[in-house]
Amino acid sequence: MSKLRTGILGCGGIAHAHARTILETDRLQLVAFCDVIAARAEDFNARYAEGKGKAYTDYRRMYEQARLDVVYICLPPFAHTRDVEDAAAAGIHLLIEKPIGLDRKQARSMVRACAKHGIRTQVGFMSRHGDAVRAVKQMLDSGAAGPPGLMIASYKCNSLHSPWWRDKSKSGGQVVEQIIHTFDITRFLLGRPKSVFCHMDNIFHKGIRDYTVEDVSATSIQFANGAVASVAGTNGAIPGKWLNEYELIARNITVRFQDMNNATIHHTDAPGSRQTIIQSEKSTFLAETLDLINAIDHGGETVCPMSEGAETLRLVLAVAESGETGEVVKL
């Protein structure tokens, strides 16, 4: 098969990880790079295309001129305009980083455009591709795990992040921009959320100018199947550590996840202490890219198409609303 001509829109930190991953495949060829800061796009061209690609500062020109098959959209949430809708109209398949936006109206527009034009999409919830997560998901879907009952999850870090991230009007806050990965895993494993209630506050960064996002949050979620989840997060924990931990309890199993790839499954459906240990070093960045390529080549949906990204955004926006109003928000 011929290589798919690939571009990157938004040449920031996460785009480096995707560019390195793209170079590991034999199906994608990086040919174009776009950023509002020209030097960034030029740097990506030099690093990842040996200067043989082309740099742009306007994504519309890149879409029009570069003859792209695939685009990786790595923009911060506030920076999305019509980039997804225009890619869809041009027949360009895409991988988009999370969150896909900051409001439900924009998300619905993205979903409609992608469906209308039949492009393949992948939202960057790479935890869904972890070997431990996939194994437990299969047990839940097959019924081997029994009905799920409880999930307990937490996300802990301590970093000032970028100036735009600290501005809630641009990032949406820690829940919406960062802990969204954890909320997505609760959806992936437990199904459709029914209602949420959240407490959140800025405890540790009140003295820092322009820091308007929450740095502590605790959320309770009820799902349509009766399961419940508790998700806690903070940006005031151990500096230099990024800890995302979760535990799932279903009728037949209790699962302690070390991360998306590694977990211990305790089988509780019979007497004894039987365990299944899952250990993996799988690259989930590579896995989500290969999943997208497979969908392009053979049809079908990816593990996390645009519609799924929109549903997880809907969940975290409800959590943020509850944190601000102090009310239960029904979905």
C-alpha atoms as a PDB file:
ATOM      1  CA  MET A   1       0.000   0.000   0.000  1.00  0.00           C
ATOM      2  CA  SER A   2       1.116   3.547  -0.677  1.00  0.00           C
ATOM      3  CA  LYS A   3       1.985   5.807   2.221  1.00  0.00           C
ATOM      4  CA  LEU A   4      -0.655   8.158   3.579  1.00  0.00           C
ATOM      5  CA  ARG A   5       0.331  11.807   3.300  1.00  0.00           C
ATOM      6  CA  THR A   6       0.165  13.157   6.844  1.00  0.00           C
ATOM      7  CA  GLY A   7       0.190  16.622   8.367  1.00  0.00           C
ATOM      8  CA  ILE A   8       0.366  17.983  11.905  1.00  0.00           C
ATOM      9  CA  LEU A   9      -1.723  20.958  13.021  1.00  0.00           C
ATOM     10  CA  GLY A  10      -0.354  22.480  16.230  1.00  0.00           C
ATOM     11  CA  CYS A  11       3.361  21.927  16.768  1.00  0.00           C
ATOM     12  CA  GLY A  12       3.485  21.930  20.574  1.00  0.00           C
ATOM     13  CA  GLY A  13       4.584  19.410  23.171  1.00  0.00           C
ATOM     14  CA  ILE A  14       2.164  16.544  22.506  1.00  0.00           C
ATOM     15  CA  ALA A  15       2.750  16.837  18.760  1.00  0.00           C
ATOM     16  CA  HIS A  16       6.354  15.707  19.264  1.00  0.00           C
ATOM     17  CA  ALA A  17       5.123  12.412  20.712  1.00  0.00           C
ATOM     18  CA  HIS A  18       2.825  11.889  17.737  1.00  0.00           C
ATOM     19  CA  ALA A  19       5.506  12.838  15.205  1.00  0.00           C
ATOM     20  CA  ARG A  20       7.955  10.331  16.692  1.00  0.00           C
ATOM     21  CA  THR A  21       5.229   7.682  16.620  1.00  0.00           C
ATOM     22  CA  ILE A  22       4.349   8.417  13.002  1.00  0.00           C
ATOM     23  CA  LEU A  23       7.972   7.795  12.044  1.00  0.00           C
ATOM     24  CA  GLU A  24       7.690   4.305  13.560  1.00  0.00           C
ATOM     25  CA  THR A  25       5.000   3.291  11.069  1.00  0.00           C
ATOM     26  CA  ASP A  26       5.472   2.279   7.453  1.00  0.00           C
ATOM     27  CA  ARG A  27       2.125   3.698   6.303  1.00  0.00           C
ATOM     28  CA  LEU A  28       2.346   7.383   7.215  1.00  0.00           C
ATOM     29  CA  GLN A  29       4.595  10.015   5.654  1.00  0.00           C
ATOM     30  CA  LEU A  30       4.926  13.414   7.281  1.00  0.00           C
ATOM     31  CA  VAL A  31       4.662  16.066   4.566  1.00  0.00           C
ATOM     32  CA  ALA A  32       3.206  19.197   6.209  1.00  0.00           C
ATOM     33  CA  PHE A  33       3.280  21.056   9.516  1.00  0.00           C
ATOM     34  CA  CYS A  34       1.161  23.990  10.677  1.00  0.00           C
ATOM     35  CA  ASP A  35       1.437  26.303  13.668  1.00  0.00           C
ATOM     36  CA  VAL A  36       0.562  29.943  14.289  1.00  0.00           C
ATOM     37  CA  ILE A  37       4.242  30.388  15.174  1.00  0.00           C
ATOM     38  CA  ALA A  38       6.098  29.774  11.920  1.00  0.00           C
ATOM     39  CA  ALA A  39       9.355  28.773  13.631  1.00  0.00           C
ATOM     40  CA  ARG A  40       7.652  25.843  15.325  1.00  0.00           C
ATOM     41  CA  ALA A  41       6.313  24.480  12.063  1.00  0.00           C
ATOM     42  CA  GLU A  42       9.719  24.931  10.433  1.00  0.00           C
ATOM     43  CA  ASP A  43      11.383  23.123  13.342  1.00  0.00           C
ATOM     44  CA  PHE A  44       9.024  20.156  12.976  1.00  0.00           C
ATOM     45  CA  ASN A  45       9.706  20.041   9.268  1.00  0.00           C
ATOM     46  CA  ALA A  46      13.442  19.916   9.902  1.00  0.00           C
ATOM     47  CA  ARG A  47      13.196  17.350  12.719  1.00  0.00           C
ATOM     48  CA  TYR A  48      10.628  14.941  11.359  1.00  0.00           C
ATOM     49  CA  ALA A  49      10.702  15.364   7.571  1.00  0.00           C
ATOM     50  CA  GLU A  50      14.378  16.225   6.982  1.00  0.00           C
ATOM     51  CA  GLY A  51      13.193  19.577   5.640  1.00  0.00           C
ATOM     52  CA  LYS A  52      11.391  17.868   2.752  1.00  0.00           C
ATOM     53  CA  GLY A  53       7.908  18.777   3.925  1.00  0.00           C
ATOM     54  CA  LYS A  54       6.293  22.197   4.025  1.00  0.00           C
ATOM     55  CA  ALA A  55       5.544  24.545   6.909  1.00  0.00           C
ATOM     56  CA  TYR A  56       2.354  26.581   7.190  1.00  0.00           C
ATOM     57  CA  THR A  57       0.828  29.111   9.556  1.00  0.00           C
ATOM     58  CA  ASP A  58      -2.728  28.730   8.169  1.00  0.00           C
ATOM     59  CA  TYR A  59      -4.285  25.274   8.358  1.00  0.00           C
ATOM     60  CA  ARG A  60      -6.652  26.086   5.476  1.00  0.00           C
ATOM     61  CA  ARG A  61      -3.695  26.535   3.141  1.00  0.00           C
ATOM     62  CA  MET A  62      -2.208  23.281   4.401  1.00  0.00           C
ATOM     63  CA  TYR A  63      -5.464  21.450   3.697  1.00  0.00           C
ATOM     64  CA  GLU A  64      -5.716  23.019   0.240  1.00  0.00           C
ATOM     65  CA  GLN A  65      -2.114  22.572  -0.872  1.00  0.00           C
ATOM     66  CA  ALA A  66      -0.587  19.559   0.868  1.00  0.00           C
ATOM     67  CA  ARG A  67      -2.947  16.857  -0.518  1.00  0.00           C
ATOM     68  CA  LEU A  68      -3.266  15.269   2.914  1.00  0.00           C
ATOM     69  CA  ASP A  69      -4.763  11.876   3.626  1.00  0.00           C
ATOM     70  CA  VAL A  70      -4.439  12.260   7.414  1.00  0.00           C
ATOM     71  CA  VAL A  71      -4.023  15.156   9.831  1.00  0.00           C
ATOM     72  CA  TYR A  72      -3.063  15.068  13.505  1.00  0.00           C
ATOM     73  CA  ILE A  73      -4.826  17.964  15.232  1.00  0.00           C
ATOM     74  CA  CYS A  74      -2.834  18.823  18.361  1.00  0.00           C
ATOM     75  CA  LEU A  75      -4.372  22.166  19.311  1.00  0.00           C
ATOM     76  CA  PRO A  76      -5.230  23.285  22.841  1.00  0.00           C
ATOM     77  CA  PRO A  77      -9.018  23.188  23.350  1.00  0.00           C
ATOM     78  CA  PHE A  78      -9.584  26.943  23.053  1.00  0.00           C
ATOM     79  CA  ALA A  79      -7.814  27.098  19.675  1.00  0.00           C
ATOM     80  CA  HIS A  80     -10.286  24.996  17.670  1.00  0.00           C
ATOM     81  CA  THR A  81     -12.199  26.910  15.011  1.00  0.00           C
ATOM     82  CA  ARG A  82     -13.396  24.968  11.965  1.00  0.00           C
ATOM     83  CA  ASP A  83     -10.277  22.801  11.696  1.00  0.00           C
ATOM     84  CA  VAL A  84     -12.146  19.522  12.158  1.00  0.00           C
ATOM     85  CA  GLU A  85     -15.105  20.423   9.953  1.00  0.00           C
ATOM     86  CA  ASP A  86     -12.797  21.670   7.175  1.00  0.00           C
ATOM     87  CA  ALA A  87     -10.672  18.510   7.354  1.00  0.00           C
ATOM     88  CA  ALA A  88     -13.809  16.380   7.076  1.00  0.00           C
ATOM     89  CA  ALA A  89     -15.062  18.375   4.090  1.00  0.00           C
ATOM     90  CA  ALA A  90     -11.694  17.827   2.401  1.00  0.00           C
ATOM     91  CA  GLY A  91     -11.885  14.074   3.034  1.00  0.00           C
ATOM     92  CA  ILE A  92      -8.917  14.121   5.424  1.00  0.00           C
ATOM     93  CA  HIS A  93      -8.946  11.436   8.143  1.00  0.00           C
ATOM     94  CA  LEU A  94      -7.810  12.684  11.521  1.00  0.00           C
ATOM     95  CA  LEU A  95      -6.514  12.048  14.999  1.00  0.00           C
ATOM     96  CA  ILE A  96      -7.431  14.809  17.432  1.00  0.00           C
ATOM     97  CA  GLU A  97      -6.092  15.427  20.907  1.00  0.00           C
ATOM     98  CA  LYS A  98      -8.458  15.727  23.823  1.00  0.00           C
ATOM     99  CA  PRO A  99     -10.561  17.544  24.788  1.00  0.00           C
ATOM    100  CA  ILE A 100     -12.000  18.110  21.336  1.00  0.00           C
ATOM    101  CA  GLY A 101     -13.353  21.503  22.403  1.00  0.00           C
ATOM    102  CA  LEU A 102     -14.817  23.455  25.274  1.00  0.00           C
ATOM    103  CA  ASP A 103     -18.546  23.313  24.542  1.00  0.00           C
ATOM    104  CA  ARG A 104     -21.087  20.751  23.422  1.00  0.00           C
ATOM    105  CA  LYS A 105     -22.287  22.760  20.433  1.00  0.00           C
ATOM    106  CA  GLN A 106     -18.832  22.742  18.870  1.00  0.00           C
ATOM    107  CA  ALA A 107     -18.428  19.029  19.632  1.00  0.00           C
ATOM    108  CA  ARG A 108     -21.748  18.222  17.933  1.00  0.00           C
ATOM    109  CA  SER A 109     -20.651  20.173  14.874  1.00  0.00           C
ATOM    110  CA  MET A 110     -17.441  18.142  14.689  1.00  0.00           C
ATOM    111  CA  VAL A 111     -19.309  14.841  15.014  1.00  0.00           C
ATOM    112  CA  ARG A 112     -21.832  15.772  12.325  1.00  0.00           C
ATOM    113  CA  ALA A 113     -19.141  16.856   9.863  1.00  0.00           C
ATOM    114  CA  CYS A 114     -17.088  13.689  10.313  1.00  0.00           C
ATOM    115  CA  ALA A 115     -20.162  11.487   9.884  1.00  0.00           C
ATOM    116  CA  LYS A 116     -21.400  13.424   6.861  1.00  0.00           C
ATOM    117  CA  HIS A 117     -18.135  13.085   4.966  1.00  0.00           C
ATOM    118  CA  GLY A 118     -17.324   9.559   6.118  1.00  0.00           C
ATOM    119  CA  ILE A 119     -13.827  10.175   7.406  1.00  0.00           C
ATOM    120  CA  ARG A 120     -12.128   7.956  10.006  1.00  0.00           C
ATOM    121  CA  THR A 121     -11.374   9.628  13.311  1.00  0.00           C
ATOM    122  CA  GLN A 122      -9.482   8.868  16.500  1.00  0.00           C
ATOM    123  CA  VAL A 123      -9.585  10.940  19.691  1.00  0.00           C
ATOM    124  CA  GLY A 124      -6.379  10.766  21.727  1.00  0.00           C
ATOM    125  CA  PHE A 125      -7.633   8.808  24.723  1.00  0.00           C
ATOM    126  CA  MET A 126      -4.673   6.454  24.519  1.00  0.00           C
ATOM    127  CA  SER A 127      -5.489   4.740  27.839  1.00  0.00           C
ATOM    128  CA  ARG A 128      -8.252   2.837  26.020  1.00  0.00           C
ATOM    129  CA  HIS A 129      -5.520   1.031  24.079  1.00  0.00           C
ATOM    130  CA  GLY A 130      -3.636  -0.251  27.135  1.00  0.00           C
ATOM    131  CA  ASP A 131      -3.371  -4.024  27.385  1.00  0.00           C
ATOM    132  CA  ALA A 132      -4.761  -4.158  30.935  1.00  0.00           C
ATOM    133  CA  VAL A 133      -7.671  -1.874  30.077  1.00  0.00           C
ATOM    134  CA  ARG A 134      -8.468  -3.880  26.937  1.00  0.00           C
ATOM    135  CA  ALA A 135      -8.405  -7.185  28.824  1.00  0.00           C
ATOM    136  CA  VAL A 136     -10.803  -5.939  31.498  1.00  0.00           C
ATOM    137  CA  LYS A 137     -13.060  -4.323  28.894  1.00  0.00           C
ATOM    138  CA  GLN A 138     -13.311  -7.670  27.101  1.00  0.00           C
ATOM    139  CA  MET A 139     -14.245  -9.408  30.371  1.00  0.00           C
ATOM    140  CA  LEU A 140     -16.964  -6.847  31.014  1.00  0.00           C
ATOM    141  CA  ASP A 141     -18.348  -7.025  27.468  1.00  0.00           C
ATOM    142  CA  SER A 142     -18.395 -10.829  27.438  1.00  0.00           C
ATOM    143  CA  GLY A 143     -20.067 -11.047  30.837  1.00  0.00           C
ATOM    144  CA  ALA A 144     -17.131 -12.938  32.383  1.00  0.00           C
ATOM    145  CA  ALA A 145     -16.547 -10.119  34.869  1.00  0.00           C
ATOM    146  CA  GLY A 146     -20.189  -9.961  35.902  1.00  0.00           C
ATOM    147  CA  PRO A 147     -21.926  -6.595  36.213  1.00  0.00           C
ATOM    148  CA  PRO A 148     -19.650  -3.718  37.287  1.00  0.00           C
ATOM    149  CA  GLY A 149     -20.452  -2.036  40.588  1.00  0.00           C
ATOM    150  CA  LEU A 150     -17.760   0.403  41.670  1.00  0.00           C
ATOM    151  CA  MET A 151     -14.771   2.229  40.228  1.00  0.00           C
ATOM    152  CA  ILE A 152     -12.404   4.349  42.312  1.00  0.00           C
ATOM    153  CA  ALA A 153      -9.943   6.535  40.429  1.00  0.00           C
ATOM    154  CA  SER A 154      -7.551   9.400  41.079  1.00  0.00           C
ATOM    155  CA  TYR A 155      -5.269  11.723  39.118  1.00  0.00           C
ATOM    156  CA  LYS A 156      -2.470  13.518  40.972  1.00  0.00           C
ATOM    157  CA  CYS A 157       0.262  15.857  39.792  1.00  0.00           C
ATOM    158  CA  ASN A 158       1.956  19.130  40.726  1.00  0.00           C
ATOM    159  CA  SER A 159       2.906  21.456  37.886  1.00  0.00           C
ATOM    160  CA  LEU A 160       2.175  25.019  36.823  1.00  0.00           C
ATOM    161  CA  HIS A 161       1.727  23.846  33.230  1.00  0.00           C
ATOM    162  CA  SER A 162       1.466  26.360  30.363  1.00  0.00           C
ATOM    163  CA  PRO A 163      -0.047  29.838  30.837  1.00  0.00           C
ATOM    164  CA  TRP A 164      -3.063  28.900  28.696  1.00  0.00           C
ATOM    165  CA  TRP A 165      -3.637  25.783  30.825  1.00  0.00           C
ATOM    166  CA  ARG A 166      -3.829  27.872  34.027  1.00  0.00           C
ATOM    167  CA  ASP A 167      -6.573  30.025  32.443  1.00  0.00           C
ATOM    168  CA  LYS A 168      -9.892  28.207  32.883  1.00  0.00           C
ATOM    169  CA  SER A 169     -11.456  30.092  29.984  1.00  0.00           C
ATOM    170  CA  LYS A 170      -8.873  28.504  27.667  1.00  0.00           C
ATOM    171  CA  SER A 171      -8.350  25.033  29.144  1.00  0.00           C
ATOM    172  CA  GLY A 172     -11.682  24.376  30.813  1.00  0.00           C
ATOM    173  CA  GLY A 173      -9.884  23.487  34.050  1.00  0.00           C
ATOM    174  CA  GLN A 174      -8.025  20.452  35.320  1.00  0.00           C
ATOM    175  CA  VAL A 175     -11.071  18.176  35.105  1.00  0.00           C
ATOM    176  CA  VAL A 176     -11.850  19.144  31.515  1.00  0.00           C
ATOM    177  CA  GLU A 177      -8.320  19.287  30.094  1.00  0.00           C
ATOM    178  CA  GLN A 178      -6.375  16.737  32.145  1.00  0.00           C
ATOM    179  CA  ILE A 179      -8.440  14.439  34.356  1.00  0.00           C
ATOM    180  CA  ILE A 180     -10.635  13.853  31.298  1.00  0.00           C
ATOM    181  CA  HIS A 181      -8.404  10.826  30.598  1.00  0.00           C
ATOM    182  CA  THR A 182      -9.548   9.253  33.866  1.00  0.00           C
ATOM    183  CA  PHE A 183     -13.196  10.134  33.277  1.00  0.00           C
ATOM    184  CA  ASP A 184     -12.952   8.589  29.828  1.00  0.00           C
ATOM    185  CA  ILE A 185     -11.781   5.273  31.302  1.00  0.00           C
ATOM    186  CA  THR A 186     -14.775   5.246  33.662  1.00  0.00           C
ATOM    187  CA  ARG A 187     -17.068   5.679  30.639  1.00  0.00           C
ATOM    188  CA  PHE A 188     -15.192   3.078  28.616  1.00  0.00           C
ATOM    189  CA  LEU A 189     -15.510   0.453  31.343  1.00  0.00           C
ATOM    190  CA  LEU A 190     -18.806   1.319  33.047  1.00  0.00           C
ATOM    191  CA  GLY A 191     -20.958   2.613  30.205  1.00  0.00           C
ATOM    192  CA  ARG A 192     -23.355   5.562  30.001  1.00  0.00           C
ATOM    193  CA  PRO A 193     -23.206   8.078  32.870  1.00  0.00           C
ATOM    194  CA  LYS A 194     -26.547   9.148  34.320  1.00  0.00           C
ATOM    195  CA  SER A 195     -25.673  11.917  36.797  1.00  0.00           C
ATOM    196  CA  VAL A 196     -22.670  13.602  38.405  1.00  0.00           C
ATOM    197  CA  PHE A 197     -21.907  15.613  41.513  1.00  0.00           C
ATOM    198  CA  CYS A 198     -18.593  17.379  42.086  1.00  0.00           C
ATOM    199  CA  HIS A 199     -16.841  19.467  44.706  1.00  0.00           C
ATOM    200  CA  MET A 200     -13.883  21.489  43.386  1.00  0.00           C
ATOM    201  CA  ASP A 201     -11.763  24.427  44.527  1.00  0.00           C
ATOM    202  CA  ASN A 202      -8.456  26.213  44.100  1.00  0.00           C
ATOM    203  CA  ILE A 203      -6.610  25.504  47.351  1.00  0.00           C
ATOM    204  CA  PHE A 204      -2.917  25.498  46.514  1.00  0.00           C
ATOM    205  CA  HIS A 205      -2.584  28.216  43.854  1.00  0.00           C
ATOM    206  CA  LYS A 206      -4.657  31.131  45.156  1.00  0.00           C
ATOM    207  CA  GLY A 207      -1.600  33.363  45.322  1.00  0.00           C
ATOM    208  CA  ILE A 208      -0.514  32.716  41.760  1.00  0.00           C
ATOM    209  CA  ARG A 209      -1.573  35.355  39.290  1.00  0.00           C
ATOM    210  CA  ASP A 210      -3.852  34.216  36.448  1.00  0.00           C
ATOM    211  CA  TYR A 211      -4.225  30.715  37.895  1.00  0.00           C
ATOM    212  CA  THR A 212      -8.000  30.305  37.645  1.00  0.00           C
ATOM    213  CA  VAL A 213      -8.442  26.515  37.317  1.00  0.00           C
ATOM    214  CA  GLU A 214      -9.362  24.187  40.175  1.00  0.00           C
ATOM    215  CA  ASP A 215      -6.532  22.244  41.818  1.00  0.00           C
ATOM    216  CA  VAL A 216      -8.633  19.852  43.900  1.00  0.00           C
ATOM    217  CA  SER A 217     -11.765  17.995  42.837  1.00  0.00           C
ATOM    218  CA  ALA A 218     -13.836  15.035  43.952  1.00  0.00           C
ATOM    219  CA  THR A 219     -16.602  13.663  41.753  1.00  0.00           C
ATOM    220  CA  SER A 220     -19.291  11.031  42.175  1.00  0.00           C
ATOM    221  CA  ILE A 221     -20.815   9.487  39.033  1.00  0.00           C
ATOM    222  CA  GLN A 222     -23.864   7.261  38.719  1.00  0.00           C
ATOM    223  CA  PHE A 223     -24.181   5.151  35.570  1.00  0.00           C
ATOM    224  CA  ALA A 224     -27.279   3.938  33.775  1.00  0.00           C
ATOM    225  CA  ASN A 225     -26.508   0.322  34.728  1.00  0.00           C
ATOM    226  CA  GLY A 226     -26.456   1.221  38.433  1.00  0.00           C
ATOM    227  CA  ALA A 227     -22.673   1.275  38.825  1.00  0.00           C
ATOM    228  CA  VAL A 228     -21.039   4.198  40.599  1.00  0.00           C
ATOM    229  CA  ALA A 229     -17.607   5.778  40.337  1.00  0.00           C
ATOM    230  CA  SER A 230     -15.533   8.156  42.425  1.00  0.00           C
ATOM    231  CA  VAL A 231     -12.914  10.283  40.667  1.00  0.00           C
ATOM    232  CA  ALA A 232     -10.591  12.552  42.657  1.00  0.00           C
ATOM    233  CA  GLY A 233      -7.903  14.844  41.276  1.00  0.00           C
ATOM    234  CA  THR A 234      -5.368  17.423  42.337  1.00  0.00           C
ATOM    235  CA  ASN A 235      -2.593  19.590  41.011  1.00  0.00           C
ATOM    236  CA  GLY A 236      -1.011  19.847  44.443  1.00  0.00           C
ATOM    237  CA  ALA A 237       0.624  16.467  44.960  1.00  0.00           C
ATOM    238  CA  ILE A 238       4.220  15.327  44.312  1.00  0.00           C
ATOM    239  CA  PRO A 239       6.198  17.555  41.895  1.00  0.00           C
ATOM    240  CA  GLY A 240       7.474  15.649  38.888  1.00  0.00           C
ATOM    241  CA  LYS A 241       5.018  12.785  39.410  1.00  0.00           C
ATOM    242  CA  TRP A 242       1.970  12.127  37.219  1.00  0.00           C
ATOM    243  CA  LEU A 243      -0.099   9.489  38.980  1.00  0.00           C
ATOM    244  CA  ASN A 244      -3.230   8.066  37.382  1.00  0.00           C
ATOM    245  CA  GLU A 245      -4.595   5.168  39.432  1.00  0.00           C
ATOM    246  CA  TYR A 246      -7.845   3.224  39.340  1.00  0.00           C
ATOM    247  CA  GLU A 247      -9.556   0.176  40.785  1.00  0.00           C
ATOM    248  CA  LEU A 248     -12.619  -1.621  39.424  1.00  0.00           C
ATOM    249  CA  ILE A 249     -14.935  -3.932  41.328  1.00  0.00           C
ATOM    250  CA  ALA A 250     -17.381  -6.132  39.404  1.00  0.00           C
ATOM    251  CA  ARG A 251     -19.333  -9.129  40.630  1.00  0.00           C
ATOM    252  CA  ASN A 252     -16.662 -11.655  39.598  1.00  0.00           C
ATOM    253  CA  ILE A 253     -13.445  -9.622  39.656  1.00  0.00           C
ATOM    254  CA  THR A 254     -11.628  -6.887  41.533  1.00  0.00           C
ATOM    255  CA  VAL A 255      -8.991  -5.157  39.431  1.00  0.00           C
ATOM    256  CA  ARG A 256      -6.095  -3.042  40.690  1.00  0.00           C
ATOM    257  CA  PHE A 257      -4.617  -1.087  37.785  1.00  0.00           C
ATOM    258  CA  GLN A 258      -1.039   0.119  38.113  1.00  0.00           C
ATOM    259  CA  ASP A 259      -1.563   1.894  34.802  1.00  0.00           C
ATOM    260  CA  MET A 260      -3.308   1.273  31.492  1.00  0.00           C
ATOM    261  CA  ASN A 261      -0.986  -1.630  30.632  1.00  0.00           C
ATOM    262  CA  ASN A 262      -0.500  -3.293  33.999  1.00  0.00           C
ATOM    263  CA  ALA A 263      -3.030  -4.698  36.435  1.00  0.00           C
ATOM    264  CA  THR A 264      -3.770  -7.468  38.899  1.00  0.00           C
ATOM    265  CA  ILE A 265      -7.150  -9.158  38.465  1.00  0.00           C
ATOM    266  CA  HIS A 266      -8.471 -10.897  41.573  1.00  0.00           C
ATOM    267  CA  HIS A 267     -11.100 -13.494  40.641  1.00  0.00           C
ATOM    268  CA  THR A 268     -13.811 -13.357  43.318  1.00  0.00           C
ATOM    269  CA  ASP A 269     -16.439 -15.655  41.801  1.00  0.00           C
ATOM    270  CA  ALA A 270     -15.137 -18.788  43.541  1.00  0.00           C
ATOM    271  CA  PRO A 271     -13.354 -19.662  46.810  1.00  0.00           C
ATOM    272  CA  GLY A 272      -9.604 -19.189  46.817  1.00  0.00           C
ATOM    273  CA  SER A 273      -7.287 -16.389  45.794  1.00  0.00           C
ATOM    274  CA  ARG A 274      -6.793 -16.885  42.047  1.00  0.00           C
ATOM    275  CA  GLN A 275      -5.162 -13.934  40.321  1.00  0.00           C
ATOM    276  CA  THR A 276      -4.373 -12.911  36.778  1.00  0.00           C
ATOM    277  CA  ILE A 277      -1.471 -10.510  36.378  1.00  0.00           C
ATOM    278  CA  ILE A 278      -1.259  -8.429  33.202  1.00  0.00           C
ATOM    279  CA  GLN A 279       2.124  -6.871  32.423  1.00  0.00           C
ATOM    280  CA  SER A 280       2.870  -4.931  29.274  1.00  0.00           C
ATOM    281  CA  GLU A 281       5.067  -2.150  27.923  1.00  0.00           C
ATOM    282  CA  LYS A 282       2.839  -1.487  24.938  1.00  0.00           C
ATOM    283  CA  SER A 283       3.139   1.948  23.328  1.00  0.00           C
ATOM    284  CA  THR A 284      -0.397   3.279  23.473  1.00  0.00           C
ATOM    285  CA  PHE A 285       0.563   6.213  21.226  1.00  0.00           C
ATOM    286  CA  LEU A 286       1.578   3.722  18.544  1.00  0.00           C
ATOM    287  CA  ALA A 287      -1.521   1.606  19.213  1.00  0.00           C
ATOM    288  CA  GLU A 288      -3.929   4.486  18.601  1.00  0.00           C
ATOM    289  CA  THR A 289      -2.129   5.401  15.384  1.00  0.00           C
ATOM    290  CA  LEU A 290      -2.176   1.799  14.115  1.00  0.00           C
ATOM    291  CA  ASP A 291      -5.864   1.579  15.025  1.00  0.00           C
ATOM    292  CA  LEU A 292      -6.574   4.663  12.912  1.00  0.00           C
ATOM    293  CA  ILE A 293      -4.577   3.277   9.983  1.00  0.00           C
ATOM    294  CA  ASN A 294      -6.506   0.007  10.196  1.00  0.00           C
ATOM    295  CA  ALA A 295      -9.824   1.881  10.131  1.00  0.00           C
ATOM    296  CA  ILE A 296      -8.689   3.846   7.074  1.00  0.00           C
ATOM    297  CA  ASP A 297      -7.499   0.713   5.268  1.00  0.00           C
ATOM    298  CA  HIS A 298     -10.330  -1.633   6.152  1.00  0.00           C
ATOM    299  CA  GLY A 299     -13.260   0.497   7.290  1.00  0.00           C
ATOM    300  CA  GLY A 300     -15.042   0.348  10.609  1.00  0.00           C
ATOM    301  CA  GLU A 301     -14.639   2.518  13.681  1.00  0.00           C
ATOM    302  CA  THR A 302     -11.558   3.198  15.743  1.00  0.00           C
ATOM    303  CA  VAL A 303     -11.449   2.493  19.479  1.00  0.00           C
ATOM    304  CA  CYS A 304     -12.337   6.137  20.130  1.00  0.00           C
ATOM    305  CA  PRO A 305     -14.037   7.898  17.197  1.00  0.00           C
ATOM    306  CA  MET A 306     -15.105  11.528  17.329  1.00  0.00           C
ATOM    307  CA  SER A 307     -18.539  10.640  18.684  1.00  0.00           C
ATOM    308  CA  GLU A 308     -16.910   9.021  21.726  1.00  0.00           C
ATOM    309  CA  GLY A 309     -14.708  12.049  22.263  1.00  0.00           C
ATOM    310  CA  ALA A 310     -17.835  14.191  22.265  1.00  0.00           C
ATOM    311  CA  GLU A 311     -19.522  11.986  24.870  1.00  0.00           C
ATOM    312  CA  THR A 312     -16.548  12.140  27.229  1.00  0.00           C
ATOM    313  CA  LEU A 313     -16.428  15.917  26.762  1.00  0.00           C
ATOM    314  CA  ARG A 314     -20.125  16.020  27.663  1.00  0.00           C
ATOM    315  CA  LEU A 315     -19.325  14.131  30.880  1.00  0.00           C
ATOM    316  CA  VAL A 316     -16.500  16.399  32.046  1.00  0.00           C
ATOM    317  CA  LEU A 317     -18.424  19.555  31.159  1.00  0.00           C
ATOM    318  CA  ALA A 318     -21.223  18.257  33.392  1.00  0.00           C
ATOM    319  CA  VAL A 319     -18.681  17.619  36.156  1.00  0.00           C
ATOM    320  CA  ALA A 320     -17.327  21.161  35.781  1.00  0.00           C
ATOM    321  CA  GLU A 321     -20.866  22.558  35.883  1.00  0.00           C
ATOM    322  CA  SER A 322     -21.605  20.648  39.069  1.00  0.00           C
ATOM    323  CA  GLY A 323     -18.369  21.881  40.636  1.00  0.00           C
ATOM    324  CA  GLU A 324     -19.326  25.455  39.892  1.00  0.00           C
ATOM    325  CA  THR A 325     -23.000  25.276  40.902  1.00  0.00           C
ATOM    326  CA  GLY A 326     -22.881  22.768  43.747  1.00  0.00           C
ATOM    327  CA  GLU A 327     -25.785  20.891  42.161  1.00  0.00           C
ATOM    328  CA  VAL A 328     -26.232  17.367  40.820  1.00  0.00           C
ATOM    329  CA  VAL A 329     -26.114  17.470  37.010  1.00  0.00           C
ATOM    330  CA  LYS A 330     -28.108  14.886  35.099  1.00  0.00           C
ATOM    331  CA  LEU A 331     -26.960  13.629  31.738  1.00  0.00           C
END
